[in-house]
Protein backbone atom coordinates (compact mmCIF):
# COMPACT_ATOMS: atom_id res chain seq x y z
CA ARG A 1 60.49 29.25 62.06
CA PHE A 2 62.33 29.54 59.02
CA VAL A 3 62.88 33.02 57.67
CA ILE A 4 64.90 33.65 54.32
CA TRP A 5 66.25 37.22 53.93
CA THR A 6 66.85 38.70 50.59
CA LYS A 7 69.61 40.90 49.38
CA ALA A 8 67.00 43.83 49.22
CA ALA A 9 66.14 43.26 53.00
CA PHE A 10 69.78 43.57 54.08
CA ASP A 11 70.29 46.67 52.04
CA ARG A 12 67.33 48.34 53.64
CA LEU A 13 68.56 47.15 57.14
CA ASP A 14 71.96 48.69 56.26
CA ALA A 15 70.18 51.75 55.21
CA LEU A 16 68.04 52.11 58.26
CA TYR A 17 70.63 51.34 60.95
CA GLY A 18 73.74 51.72 59.09
CA THR A 19 77.09 49.39 59.36
CA TYR A 20 80.19 49.58 61.48
CA SER A 21 82.10 51.43 58.69
CA LYS A 22 79.08 54.00 57.61
CA PRO A 23 76.32 55.63 59.97
CA SER A 24 72.66 55.23 59.24
CA GLU A 25 71.18 57.03 56.24
CA GLU A 26 67.73 57.46 57.63
CA LYS A 27 68.33 57.95 61.36
CA THR A 28 70.37 61.03 62.02
CA GLY A 29 73.23 60.56 64.22
CA PHE A 30 72.52 56.76 64.82
CA SER A 31 75.46 54.14 64.30
CA LEU A 32 75.43 50.63 65.37
CA PRO A 33 76.87 50.13 68.96
CA ARG A 34 80.23 48.38 68.96
CA PRO A 35 80.94 45.32 71.00
CA THR A 36 82.70 46.08 74.29
CA MET A 37 85.12 43.25 73.88
CA THR A 38 86.55 42.07 70.54
CA THR A 39 87.88 38.77 71.99
CA ALA A 40 85.27 36.56 73.71
CA ASP A 41 87.72 34.27 75.55
CA LEU A 42 87.74 36.17 78.91
CA ALA A 43 89.87 33.75 80.54
CA ARG A 44 92.50 33.67 77.91
CA VAL A 45 92.62 37.52 78.00
CA ILE A 46 92.99 37.54 81.80
CA ASN A 47 95.63 34.95 81.85
CA SER A 48 97.67 36.34 78.97
CA ASN A 49 101.32 37.59 79.80
CA GLU A 50 100.69 41.12 78.93
CA VAL A 51 97.79 41.42 81.39
CA GLN A 52 99.59 39.44 84.25
CA GLU A 53 102.78 41.52 84.06
CA VAL A 54 100.88 44.71 84.75
CA LEU A 55 98.84 43.43 87.79
CA ARG A 56 99.61 43.75 91.44
CA PRO A 57 100.26 40.62 93.41
CA ALA A 58 97.09 39.09 95.15
CA VAL A 59 96.54 40.07 98.67
CA THR A 60 96.87 37.15 100.76
CA GLY A 61 96.06 37.99 104.40
CA ARG A 62 93.79 40.62 105.45
CA THR A 63 93.52 42.02 108.93
CA TYR A 64 89.83 43.10 110.11
CA ALA A 65 89.02 45.72 112.57
CA PRO A 66 87.52 44.26 115.72
CA ARG A 67 83.76 44.63 116.20
CA LYS A 68 82.95 47.63 118.63
CA LYS A 69 81.06 46.61 121.64
CA ASN A 70 78.52 48.95 123.27
CA PRO A 71 79.63 49.77 126.87
CA LEU A 72 76.10 50.51 128.03
CA LYS A 73 75.32 46.79 127.33
CA ASN A 74 78.70 45.11 127.69
CA TRP A 75 79.95 45.34 131.27
CA GLY A 76 83.61 44.34 130.38
CA THR A 77 83.89 47.10 127.78
CA MET A 78 82.40 49.70 130.26
CA LEU A 79 84.95 48.84 133.04
CA LYS A 80 87.70 49.23 130.23
CA LEU A 81 86.62 52.85 129.36
CA ASN A 82 85.49 53.79 133.12
CA PRO A 83 86.98 51.76 135.88
CA TYR A 84 85.13 53.87 138.52
CA ALA A 85 81.95 52.33 137.16
CA ILE A 86 82.17 49.36 139.52
CA VAL A 87 82.32 51.60 142.52
CA GLN A 88 79.35 53.55 141.07
CA ARG A 89 77.46 50.31 140.69
CA ARG A 90 78.10 49.33 144.21
CA ASN A 91 76.88 52.44 145.47
CA GLU A 92 73.67 52.30 143.53
CA LEU A 93 72.91 48.72 144.83
CA LYS A 94 73.71 49.88 148.44
CA SER A 95 71.36 52.83 147.98
CA ALA A 96 68.55 50.71 146.44
CA LYS A 97 68.91 48.19 149.32
CA LEU A 98 68.63 50.94 151.91
CA ALA A 99 65.61 52.30 150.04
CA ALA A 100 63.87 48.95 150.19
CA ARG A 101 64.61 48.68 153.89
CA ARG A 102 63.24 52.07 154.49
CA LYS A 103 60.06 51.46 152.64
CA GLN A 104 59.74 48.02 154.16
CA PRO A 105 58.80 49.01 157.81
CA ALA A 106 55.92 51.66 156.40
CA ALA A 107 54.47 48.93 154.18
CA ARG A 108 54.40 46.26 157.13
CA LYS A 109 52.83 48.99 159.27
CA LEU A 110 49.96 49.46 156.64
CA ARG A 111 49.51 45.89 156.35
CA SER A 112 49.42 45.27 160.11
CA ARG A 113 47.01 48.08 160.52
CA GLY A 114 44.55 46.93 157.77
CA PHE A 115 44.66 43.37 159.26
CA TYR A 116 43.85 44.78 162.69
CA LEU A 117 40.92 46.75 161.18
CA SER A 118 39.60 43.66 159.63
CA VAL A 119 39.68 41.68 162.60
CA ILE A 120 38.04 44.36 164.74
CA SER A 121 35.27 44.59 162.00
CA ASP A 122 34.99 40.73 162.08
CA ASP A 123 34.66 40.62 165.90
CA ALA A 124 31.97 43.36 165.75
CA LEU A 125 29.95 41.36 163.39
CA THR A 126 30.03 38.26 165.32
């Protein structure tokens, strides 16, 4: 669209919003916002000698902290923190194996007793 502005329209805008040199006449306390940068060529500003003299040198090599490992899930980390953990693990495995051996005869005895009773009941039927 083609719009033609008159001098009266610009004067009315100046009265309503003000200019950079004088505040608004109709809006109390309103002044036009100023642009943050006066030079729009940012690359020229950054690369200028005045800015480059003030800057620190660029950081080239960075050292990062190693990632923390969970000792409850990572066995190698657990051994670094607690060398006695391997002895504890062996003792746990031994006690679990012994408990399984202790339970085994009782379970075998129950199975055999059940089998015996089923055979007897089958013989009684035939």
